[in-house]
Amino acid sequence: MRIPARFAPIVFGALLSAIMVALVSAFVLVTTQGFHAGLPAQWLRSCAATWPVAFPTVTLVAPWVRRVVGRVTG
């Protein structure tokens, strides 16, 4: 089963924001608290708390960023 192409911007926003939230949350937690036994659970809570903000932000901001990049390149 494939997702219809009309949903590409939403899928893009979901994947990009999930990857960024996962990486940034892990980086911030490890740099501020170091590795510890509760890190995986804390990381999952952090991701769950921040992804609902990141997803709509990426989805709404991405078209604007593409336009800006198109103007300053090429």
C-alpha atoms as a PDB file:
ATOM      1  CA  MET A   1       0.000   0.000   0.000  1.00  0.00           C
ATOM      2  CA  ARG A   2       1.350   3.399  -0.973  1.00  0.00           C
ATOM      3  CA  ILE A   3       0.371   6.793   0.319  1.00  0.00           C
ATOM      4  CA  PRO A   4      -1.137   9.020  -2.410  1.00  0.00           C
ATOM      5  CA  ALA A   5       1.204  11.733  -3.714  1.00  0.00           C
ATOM      6  CA  ARG A   6      -1.137  14.497  -2.563  1.00  0.00           C
ATOM      7  CA  PHE A   7      -0.142  13.652   1.017  1.00  0.00           C
ATOM      8  CA  ALA A   8       3.588  14.061   0.306  1.00  0.00           C
ATOM      9  CA  PRO A   9       3.931  17.388   2.187  1.00  0.00           C
ATOM     10  CA  ILE A  10       2.309  15.895   5.294  1.00  0.00           C
ATOM     11  CA  VAL A  11       4.427  12.725   5.129  1.00  0.00           C
ATOM     12  CA  PHE A  12       7.529  14.872   4.602  1.00  0.00           C
ATOM     13  CA  GLY A  13       6.684  16.995   7.649  1.00  0.00           C
ATOM     14  CA  ALA A  14       5.936  13.962   9.782  1.00  0.00           C
ATOM     15  CA  LEU A  15       9.165  12.169   8.918  1.00  0.00           C
ATOM     16  CA  LEU A  16      11.423  15.219   9.083  1.00  0.00           C
ATOM     17  CA  SER A  17       9.989  16.408  12.384  1.00  0.00           C
ATOM     18  CA  ALA A  18      10.138  12.916  13.925  1.00  0.00           C
ATOM     19  CA  ILE A  19      13.789  12.500  12.933  1.00  0.00           C
ATOM     20  CA  MET A  20      14.739  15.972  14.150  1.00  0.00           C
ATOM     21  CA  VAL A  21      12.864  15.609  17.452  1.00  0.00           C
ATOM     22  CA  ALA A  22      14.475  12.231  18.096  1.00  0.00           C
ATOM     23  CA  LEU A  23      17.999  13.471  17.376  1.00  0.00           C
ATOM     24  CA  VAL A  24      17.766  16.827  19.119  1.00  0.00           C
ATOM     25  CA  SER A  25      16.025  15.388  22.184  1.00  0.00           C
ATOM     26  CA  ALA A  26      18.667  12.697  22.539  1.00  0.00           C
ATOM     27  CA  PHE A  27      21.480  15.225  22.078  1.00  0.00           C
ATOM     28  CA  VAL A  28      20.089  17.670  24.642  1.00  0.00           C
ATOM     29  CA  LEU A  29      19.380  14.971  27.223  1.00  0.00           C
ATOM     30  CA  VAL A  30      22.804  13.343  26.886  1.00  0.00           C
ATOM     31  CA  THR A  31      24.699  16.653  26.960  1.00  0.00           C
ATOM     32  CA  THR A  32      22.788  17.996  29.965  1.00  0.00           C
ATOM     33  CA  GLN A  33      22.361  14.808  32.002  1.00  0.00           C
ATOM     34  CA  GLY A  34      24.760  12.259  30.561  1.00  0.00           C
ATOM     35  CA  PHE A  35      23.966   8.607  30.039  1.00  0.00           C
ATOM     36  CA  HIS A  36      21.913   7.100  32.859  1.00  0.00           C
ATOM     37  CA  ALA A  37      19.491   4.235  33.426  1.00  0.00           C
ATOM     38  CA  GLY A  38      16.372   6.351  32.944  1.00  0.00           C
ATOM     39  CA  LEU A  39      17.556   7.977  29.718  1.00  0.00           C
ATOM     40  CA  PRO A  40      15.520   5.867  27.243  1.00  0.00           C
ATOM     41  CA  ALA A  41      12.240   6.503  29.065  1.00  0.00           C
ATOM     42  CA  GLN A  42      13.030  10.192  29.494  1.00  0.00           C
ATOM     43  CA  TRP A  43      13.981  10.439  25.818  1.00  0.00           C
ATOM     44  CA  LEU A  44      10.667   8.878  24.740  1.00  0.00           C
ATOM     45  CA  ARG A  45       8.729  11.284  26.983  1.00  0.00           C
ATOM     46  CA  SER A  46      10.679  14.198  25.546  1.00  0.00           C
ATOM     47  CA  CYS A  47       9.953  13.087  21.988  1.00  0.00           C
ATOM     48  CA  ALA A  48       6.271  12.608  22.761  1.00  0.00           C
ATOM     49  CA  ALA A  49       6.059  16.073  24.285  1.00  0.00           C
ATOM     50  CA  THR A  50       7.896  17.944  21.526  1.00  0.00           C
ATOM     51  CA  TRP A  51       6.784  16.178  18.341  1.00  0.00           C
ATOM     52  CA  PRO A  52       3.259  17.666  18.435  1.00  0.00           C
ATOM     53  CA  VAL A  53       4.906  21.101  18.241  1.00  0.00           C
ATOM     54  CA  ALA A  54       7.559  20.160  15.678  1.00  0.00           C
ATOM     55  CA  PHE A  55       5.244  18.440  13.194  1.00  0.00           C
ATOM     56  CA  PRO A  56       2.894  21.347  12.450  1.00  0.00           C
ATOM     57  CA  THR A  57       5.821  23.777  12.572  1.00  0.00           C
ATOM     58  CA  VAL A  58       7.788  21.854   9.942  1.00  0.00           C
ATOM     59  CA  THR A  59       4.675  21.291   7.840  1.00  0.00           C
ATOM     60  CA  LEU A  60       3.745  24.979   7.858  1.00  0.00           C
ATOM     61  CA  VAL A  61       7.257  26.421   7.554  1.00  0.00           C
ATOM     62  CA  ALA A  62       8.660  24.064   4.872  1.00  0.00           C
ATOM     63  CA  PRO A  63       6.951  25.761   1.875  1.00  0.00           C
ATOM     64  CA  TRP A  64       8.247  29.158   2.980  1.00  0.00           C
ATOM     65  CA  VAL A  65      11.772  27.781   3.459  1.00  0.00           C
ATOM     66  CA  ARG A  66      11.654  26.215  -0.032  1.00  0.00           C
ATOM     67  CA  ARG A  67      10.688  29.592  -1.528  1.00  0.00           C
ATOM     68  CA  VAL A  68      13.459  31.415   0.334  1.00  0.00           C
ATOM     69  CA  VAL A  69      16.026  28.832  -0.728  1.00  0.00           C
ATOM     70  CA  GLY A  70      14.800  29.109  -4.314  1.00  0.00           C
ATOM     71  CA  ARG A  71      15.341  32.881  -4.224  1.00  0.00           C
ATOM     72  CA  VAL A  72      18.828  32.798  -2.721  1.00  0.00           C
ATOM     73  CA  THR A  73      20.187  29.950  -4.863  1.00  0.00           C
ATOM     74  CA  GLY A  74      20.511  29.307  -8.544  1.00  0.00           C
END
